Amino acid sequence: PVQNSDGSYNFKGVTAFFNRGTPEQSYIPGFDKTERVVSVSTQVKKTTPITRTISDAVVDALRVTIGVERNVQVKDNGDTVAAQTQLLVELLRGDGSNISQSVTFNEKGSGAYYQDVVFDNLPEVPFNLRVTRITGDSTSDKISNNTFFASYVETINAKFAYPNTAISALKIDSDQFGSSNPTRNFLLKGKNDLLMPTNYDPIT
């Protein structure tokens, strides 16, 4: 259990909200948006930008995740330093204008490094989301900086109450579980609307 009967906690950083499923229940605070993750997982080369079309008119914001692998450069003297790798993320409108943000990766790593780009002011749909590599593609074993368009998230700002639906919402500190979602189990005590024997005990 998250919390023991004596009040002590087995897990820290857990906040829970519950609605019982009444017709007039309010929305759960802190959960005022819904998100849909769209996986792209495609390498971006300088001559091959990656484009996706956004067509849902109710989407309020986009969070675009791009990344670079290693981002290292080996100098002639053998020193390994960070490469300078730049990507451009654009929202392309039908009239030819665009909204853009550039990202420069200037730190080296042993694996993939991700960065998010957020757009809160979206153009009228449909429009294109494009990721372009500005830095030239590596032509040498001395430079390792493959870039990729990992995914994007469509966000809809809304306060959903889910009337007539019993619902739980949890906020959990990811430091305790890393990239894994912890398994959740619930002991439910429902409402009985059926005639039952007078000696019926729902606990035992």
C-alpha atoms as a PDB file:
ATOM      1  CA  PRO A   1       0.000   0.000   0.000  1.00  0.00           C
ATOM      2  CA  VAL A   2       1.040   3.599  -0.539  1.00  0.00           C
ATOM      3  CA  GLN A   3       0.152   4.364   3.084  1.00  0.00           C
ATOM      4  CA  ASN A   4       0.057   1.915   5.990  1.00  0.00           C
ATOM      5  CA  SER A   5      -2.650   1.793   8.652  1.00  0.00           C
ATOM      6  CA  ASP A   6      -0.299   3.494  11.140  1.00  0.00           C
ATOM      7  CA  GLY A   7       0.036   6.504   8.831  1.00  0.00           C
ATOM      8  CA  SER A   8       3.541   5.706   7.568  1.00  0.00           C
ATOM      9  CA  TYR A   9       4.281   5.686   3.829  1.00  0.00           C
ATOM     10  CA  ASN A  10       5.877   3.005   1.683  1.00  0.00           C
ATOM     11  CA  PHE A  11       6.253   5.424  -1.260  1.00  0.00           C
ATOM     12  CA  LYS A  12       6.989   9.139  -1.293  1.00  0.00           C
ATOM     13  CA  GLY A  13       5.787  11.715  -3.760  1.00  0.00           C
ATOM     14  CA  VAL A  14       2.403  10.103  -4.489  1.00  0.00           C
ATOM     15  CA  THR A  15      -0.727  12.244  -4.718  1.00  0.00           C
ATOM     16  CA  ALA A  16      -4.075  10.549  -5.313  1.00  0.00           C
ATOM     17  CA  PHE A  17      -7.501  11.876  -6.264  1.00  0.00           C
ATOM     18  CA  PHE A  18     -10.720   9.885  -6.412  1.00  0.00           C
ATOM     19  CA  ASN A  19     -14.201  10.577  -7.754  1.00  0.00           C
ATOM     20  CA  ARG A  20     -17.032   8.246  -6.774  1.00  0.00           C
ATOM     21  CA  GLY A  21     -18.942   8.416 -10.048  1.00  0.00           C
ATOM     22  CA  THR A  22     -21.741  10.801  -9.219  1.00  0.00           C
ATOM     23  CA  PRO A  23     -23.565  12.707 -11.991  1.00  0.00           C
ATOM     24  CA  GLU A  24     -22.522  16.112 -10.622  1.00  0.00           C
ATOM     25  CA  GLN A  25     -18.892  15.398  -9.691  1.00  0.00           C
ATOM     26  CA  SER A  26     -16.244  18.034 -10.454  1.00  0.00           C
ATOM     27  CA  TYR A  27     -13.082  17.616 -12.492  1.00  0.00           C
ATOM     28  CA  ILE A  28      -9.932  16.413 -10.763  1.00  0.00           C
ATOM     29  CA  PRO A  29      -7.521  19.312 -10.095  1.00  0.00           C
ATOM     30  CA  GLY A  30      -4.166  19.071 -11.814  1.00  0.00           C
ATOM     31  CA  PHE A  31      -5.558  16.974 -14.666  1.00  0.00           C
ATOM     32  CA  ASP A  32      -6.897  19.733 -16.884  1.00  0.00           C
ATOM     33  CA  LYS A  33      -5.630  18.478 -20.207  1.00  0.00           C
ATOM     34  CA  THR A  34      -5.447  15.342 -22.297  1.00  0.00           C
ATOM     35  CA  GLU A  35      -2.502  14.292 -24.418  1.00  0.00           C
ATOM     36  CA  ARG A  36      -2.046  11.995 -27.387  1.00  0.00           C
ATOM     37  CA  VAL A  37       1.472  10.790 -28.151  1.00  0.00           C
ATOM     38  CA  VAL A  38       2.268  10.194 -31.826  1.00  0.00           C
ATOM     39  CA  SER A  39       5.433   8.178 -32.390  1.00  0.00           C
ATOM     40  CA  VAL A  40       7.595   9.112 -35.371  1.00  0.00           C
ATOM     41  CA  SER A  41      10.983   7.468 -34.599  1.00  0.00           C
ATOM     42  CA  THR A  42      12.585   8.531 -37.878  1.00  0.00           C
ATOM     43  CA  GLN A  43      16.133   9.664 -38.582  1.00  0.00           C
ATOM     44  CA  VAL A  44      16.457  13.232 -39.852  1.00  0.00           C
ATOM     45  CA  LYS A  45      19.099  13.946 -42.493  1.00  0.00           C
ATOM     46  CA  LYS A  46      19.986  17.329 -43.934  1.00  0.00           C
ATOM     47  CA  THR A  47      18.529  16.481 -47.330  1.00  0.00           C
ATOM     48  CA  THR A  48      15.471  14.680 -45.913  1.00  0.00           C
ATOM     49  CA  PRO A  49      13.287  16.721 -43.551  1.00  0.00           C
ATOM     50  CA  ILE A  50      10.520  14.773 -41.803  1.00  0.00           C
ATOM     51  CA  THR A  51       6.981  16.166 -42.069  1.00  0.00           C
ATOM     52  CA  ARG A  52       3.723  15.261 -40.361  1.00  0.00           C
ATOM     53  CA  THR A  53       0.270  16.837 -40.847  1.00  0.00           C
ATOM     54  CA  ILE A  54      -1.788  18.176 -37.929  1.00  0.00           C
ATOM     55  CA  SER A  55      -5.497  18.180 -38.759  1.00  0.00           C
ATOM     56  CA  ASP A  56      -7.375  18.030 -35.435  1.00  0.00           C
ATOM     57  CA  ALA A  57      -8.955  21.435 -34.778  1.00  0.00           C
ATOM     58  CA  VAL A  58      -9.308  20.867 -31.008  1.00  0.00           C
ATOM     59  CA  VAL A  59      -5.564  20.519 -30.399  1.00  0.00           C
ATOM     60  CA  ASP A  60      -4.331  23.463 -28.284  1.00  0.00           C
ATOM     61  CA  ALA A  61      -0.589  22.804 -28.137  1.00  0.00           C
ATOM     62  CA  LEU A  62       2.176  20.609 -29.524  1.00  0.00           C
ATOM     63  CA  ARG A  63       5.223  19.198 -27.753  1.00  0.00           C
ATOM     64  CA  VAL A  64       7.786  17.936 -30.254  1.00  0.00           C
ATOM     65  CA  THR A  65      10.575  15.610 -29.106  1.00  0.00           C
ATOM     66  CA  ILE A  66      13.776  15.543 -31.137  1.00  0.00           C
ATOM     67  CA  GLY A  67      17.091  13.943 -30.364  1.00  0.00           C
ATOM     68  CA  VAL A  68      20.720  13.311 -31.238  1.00  0.00           C
ATOM     69  CA  GLU A  69      22.852  10.199 -30.764  1.00  0.00           C
ATOM     70  CA  ARG A  70      26.129  10.686 -28.894  1.00  0.00           C
ATOM     71  CA  ASN A  71      26.907  14.094 -30.479  1.00  0.00           C
ATOM     72  CA  VAL A  72      30.682  13.635 -30.302  1.00  0.00           C
ATOM     73  CA  GLN A  73      33.594  14.685 -32.460  1.00  0.00           C
ATOM     74  CA  VAL A  74      37.108  13.203 -32.325  1.00  0.00           C
ATOM     75  CA  LYS A  75      39.851  15.752 -32.902  1.00  0.00           C
ATOM     76  CA  ASP A  76      43.060  15.006 -34.814  1.00  0.00           C
ATOM     77  CA  ASN A  77      44.956  14.781 -31.509  1.00  0.00           C
ATOM     78  CA  GLY A  78      42.515  12.134 -30.236  1.00  0.00           C
ATOM     79  CA  ASP A  79      40.475  14.340 -27.931  1.00  0.00           C
ATOM     80  CA  THR A  80      36.737  13.632 -27.877  1.00  0.00           C
ATOM     81  CA  VAL A  81      34.656  16.787 -27.696  1.00  0.00           C
ATOM     82  CA  ALA A  82      31.020  17.725 -28.187  1.00  0.00           C
ATOM     83  CA  ALA A  83      29.797  18.299 -31.706  1.00  0.00           C
ATOM     84  CA  GLN A  84      27.570  21.245 -32.621  1.00  0.00           C
ATOM     85  CA  THR A  85      24.361  19.868 -34.111  1.00  0.00           C
ATOM     86  CA  GLN A  86      21.355  22.005 -35.007  1.00  0.00           C
ATOM     87  CA  LEU A  87      17.770  21.071 -35.856  1.00  0.00           C
ATOM     88  CA  LEU A  88      14.876  23.297 -36.890  1.00  0.00           C
ATOM     89  CA  VAL A  89      11.264  22.558 -35.899  1.00  0.00           C
ATOM     90  CA  GLU A  90       8.612  24.364 -37.948  1.00  0.00           C
ATOM     91  CA  LEU A  91       4.851  24.711 -38.176  1.00  0.00           C
ATOM     92  CA  LEU A  92       4.072  25.383 -41.851  1.00  0.00           C
ATOM     93  CA  ARG A  93       0.825  27.127 -42.723  1.00  0.00           C
ATOM     94  CA  GLY A  94      -1.055  26.975 -45.995  1.00  0.00           C
ATOM     95  CA  ASP A  95      -0.159  30.564 -46.874  1.00  0.00           C
ATOM     96  CA  GLY A  96       3.540  29.685 -46.840  1.00  0.00           C
ATOM     97  CA  SER A  97       4.346  31.368 -43.517  1.00  0.00           C
ATOM     98  CA  ASN A  98       5.747  29.433 -40.609  1.00  0.00           C
ATOM     99  CA  ILE A  99       6.413  29.378 -36.877  1.00  0.00           C
ATOM    100  CA  SER A 100       9.787  27.905 -35.991  1.00  0.00           C
ATOM    101  CA  GLN A 101      12.147  27.088 -33.159  1.00  0.00           C
ATOM    102  CA  SER A 102      15.748  25.952 -33.556  1.00  0.00           C
ATOM    103  CA  VAL A 103      17.563  23.615 -31.205  1.00  0.00           C
ATOM    104  CA  THR A 104      21.343  23.314 -30.955  1.00  0.00           C
ATOM    105  CA  PHE A 105      22.809  20.261 -29.255  1.00  0.00           C
ATOM    106  CA  ASN A 106      26.230  21.194 -27.854  1.00  0.00           C
ATOM    107  CA  GLU A 107      26.864  18.511 -25.250  1.00  0.00           C
ATOM    108  CA  LYS A 108      28.315  15.059 -25.808  1.00  0.00           C
ATOM    109  CA  GLY A 109      26.823  11.843 -24.455  1.00  0.00           C
ATOM    110  CA  SER A 110      27.140   8.079 -24.525  1.00  0.00           C
ATOM    111  CA  GLY A 111      23.683   7.484 -26.007  1.00  0.00           C
ATOM    112  CA  ALA A 112      20.655   9.363 -27.247  1.00  0.00           C
ATOM    113  CA  TYR A 113      19.794  12.788 -25.844  1.00  0.00           C
ATOM    114  CA  TYR A 114      16.280  14.201 -26.245  1.00  0.00           C
ATOM    115  CA  GLN A 115      14.918  17.717 -26.125  1.00  0.00           C
ATOM    116  CA  ASP A 116      11.334  19.003 -26.276  1.00  0.00           C
ATOM    117  CA  VAL A 117      10.084  21.947 -28.317  1.00  0.00           C
ATOM    118  CA  VAL A 118       6.684  23.358 -27.267  1.00  0.00           C
ATOM    119  CA  PHE A 119       4.280  25.342 -29.440  1.00  0.00           C
ATOM    120  CA  ASP A 120       1.368  26.930 -27.551  1.00  0.00           C
ATOM    121  CA  ASN A 121       0.062  29.199 -30.313  1.00  0.00           C
ATOM    122  CA  LEU A 122      -0.964  26.952 -33.183  1.00  0.00           C
ATOM    123  CA  PRO A 123      -2.070  28.035 -36.657  1.00  0.00           C
ATOM    124  CA  GLU A 124      -5.395  27.063 -38.156  1.00  0.00           C
ATOM    125  CA  VAL A 125      -5.557  23.418 -39.188  1.00  0.00           C
ATOM    126  CA  PRO A 126      -4.528  21.700 -41.307  1.00  0.00           C
ATOM    127  CA  PHE A 127      -0.855  22.594 -41.059  1.00  0.00           C
ATOM    128  CA  ASN A 128       2.412  20.691 -41.331  1.00  0.00           C
ATOM    129  CA  LEU A 129       4.915  19.944 -38.601  1.00  0.00           C
ATOM    130  CA  ARG A 130       8.426  19.668 -40.066  1.00  0.00           C
ATOM    131  CA  VAL A 131      11.789  18.788 -38.511  1.00  0.00           C
ATOM    132  CA  THR A 132      14.865  19.750 -40.546  1.00  0.00           C
ATOM    133  CA  ARG A 133      18.538  19.116 -39.877  1.00  0.00           C
ATOM    134  CA  ILE A 134      20.537  22.323 -40.330  1.00  0.00           C
ATOM    135  CA  THR A 135      23.951  20.838 -39.613  1.00  0.00           C
ATOM    136  CA  GLY A 136      25.477  18.837 -42.445  1.00  0.00           C
ATOM    137  CA  ASP A 137      25.323  15.056 -42.205  1.00  0.00           C
ATOM    138  CA  SER A 138      28.441  13.368 -40.875  1.00  0.00           C
ATOM    139  CA  THR A 139      30.713  11.929 -43.580  1.00  0.00           C
ATOM    140  CA  SER A 140      33.448  10.805 -41.200  1.00  0.00           C
ATOM    141  CA  ASP A 141      33.845   8.223 -38.453  1.00  0.00           C
ATOM    142  CA  LYS A 142      35.227  11.060 -36.327  1.00  0.00           C
ATOM    143  CA  ILE A 143      31.800  12.673 -35.971  1.00  0.00           C
ATOM    144  CA  SER A 144      28.842  10.757 -34.491  1.00  0.00           C
ATOM    145  CA  ASN A 145      25.680  12.875 -34.339  1.00  0.00           C
ATOM    146  CA  ASN A 146      22.749  11.168 -36.021  1.00  0.00           C
ATOM    147  CA  THR A 147      19.562  13.138 -35.411  1.00  0.00           C
ATOM    148  CA  PHE A 148      15.973  11.945 -35.246  1.00  0.00           C
ATOM    149  CA  PHE A 149      12.376  13.034 -34.884  1.00  0.00           C
ATOM    150  CA  ALA A 150      11.238  10.926 -31.935  1.00  0.00           C
ATOM    151  CA  SER A 151       7.585  11.882 -31.407  1.00  0.00           C
ATOM    152  CA  TYR A 152       5.103  14.661 -30.865  1.00  0.00           C
ATOM    153  CA  VAL A 153       2.303  15.155 -28.363  1.00  0.00           C
ATOM    154  CA  GLU A 154      -1.053  16.741 -29.188  1.00  0.00           C
ATOM    155  CA  THR A 155      -2.450  18.503 -26.118  1.00  0.00           C
ATOM    156  CA  ILE A 156      -6.105  19.425 -25.582  1.00  0.00           C
ATOM    157  CA  ASN A 157      -6.841  21.786 -22.693  1.00  0.00           C
ATOM    158  CA  ALA A 158     -10.051  20.598 -21.045  1.00  0.00           C
ATOM    159  CA  LYS A 159     -11.383  19.896 -17.553  1.00  0.00           C
ATOM    160  CA  PHE A 160     -13.156  16.560 -17.785  1.00  0.00           C
ATOM    161  CA  ALA A 161     -15.386  15.472 -14.896  1.00  0.00           C
ATOM    162  CA  TYR A 162     -16.347  12.046 -16.311  1.00  0.00           C
ATOM    163  CA  PRO A 163     -19.848  12.063 -14.730  1.00  0.00           C
ATOM    164  CA  ASN A 164     -21.256   8.721 -13.593  1.00  0.00           C
ATOM    165  CA  THR A 165     -17.755   7.251 -13.748  1.00  0.00           C
ATOM    166  CA  ALA A 166     -15.696   6.262 -10.728  1.00  0.00           C
ATOM    167  CA  ILE A 167     -12.189   7.446 -11.494  1.00  0.00           C
ATOM    168  CA  SER A 168      -8.783   7.602  -9.820  1.00  0.00           C
ATOM    169  CA  ALA A 169      -5.949   9.929 -10.765  1.00  0.00           C
ATOM    170  CA  LEU A 170      -2.408   9.565  -9.467  1.00  0.00           C
ATOM    171  CA  LYS A 171       0.637  11.803  -9.586  1.00  0.00           C
ATOM    172  CA  ILE A 172       3.775   9.794  -8.873  1.00  0.00           C
ATOM    173  CA  ASP A 173       7.368  10.994  -8.499  1.00  0.00           C
ATOM    174  CA  SER A 174       9.272   9.316 -11.338  1.00  0.00           C
ATOM    175  CA  ASP A 175      12.516   9.279  -9.316  1.00  0.00           C
ATOM    176  CA  GLN A 176      11.292   6.133  -7.542  1.00  0.00           C
ATOM    177  CA  PHE A 177      10.370   4.185 -10.666  1.00  0.00           C
ATOM    178  CA  GLY A 178      12.582   5.515 -13.457  1.00  0.00           C
ATOM    179  CA  SER A 179      11.013   5.171 -16.892  1.00  0.00           C
ATOM    180  CA  SER A 180       8.616   2.408 -15.790  1.00  0.00           C
ATOM    181  CA  ASN A 181       5.012   2.988 -14.801  1.00  0.00           C
ATOM    182  CA  PRO A 182       4.305   1.323 -11.449  1.00  0.00           C
ATOM    183  CA  THR A 183       1.539  -1.266 -11.323  1.00  0.00           C
ATOM    184  CA  ARG A 184      -1.561  -0.007  -9.514  1.00  0.00           C
ATOM    185  CA  ASN A 185      -4.075  -2.172  -7.702  1.00  0.00           C
ATOM    186  CA  PHE A 186      -7.240  -0.998  -5.988  1.00  0.00           C
ATOM    187  CA  LEU A 187      -9.525  -2.470  -3.350  1.00  0.00           C
ATOM    188  CA  LEU A 188     -13.000  -1.291  -4.309  1.00  0.00           C
ATOM    189  CA  LYS A 189     -15.959  -0.908  -2.012  1.00  0.00           C
ATOM    190  CA  GLY A 190     -18.955  -0.492  -4.304  1.00  0.00           C
ATOM    191  CA  LYS A 191     -22.463   0.750  -3.669  1.00  0.00           C
ATOM    192  CA  ASN A 192     -25.066  -1.969  -3.254  1.00  0.00           C
ATOM    193  CA  ASP A 193     -28.408  -1.305  -4.962  1.00  0.00           C
ATOM    194  CA  LEU A 194     -29.682  -4.878  -4.672  1.00  0.00           C
ATOM    195  CA  LEU A 195     -31.691  -6.537  -1.934  1.00  0.00           C
ATOM    196  CA  MET A 196     -29.329  -8.519   0.255  1.00  0.00           C
ATOM    197  CA  PRO A 197     -29.807 -10.862   3.239  1.00  0.00           C
ATOM    198  CA  THR A 198     -29.847  -9.034   6.563  1.00  0.00           C
ATOM    199  CA  ASN A 199     -26.848 -11.063   7.753  1.00  0.00           C
ATOM    200  CA  TYR A 200     -24.696 -10.164   4.727  1.00  0.00           C
ATOM    201  CA  ASP A 201     -21.320  -8.659   5.652  1.00  0.00           C
ATOM    202  CA  PRO A 202     -19.546  -6.993   2.681  1.00  0.00           C
ATOM    203  CA  ILE A 203     -16.183  -7.002   4.463  1.00  0.00           C
ATOM    204  CA  THR A 204     -15.977 -10.696   5.335  1.00  0.00           C
END
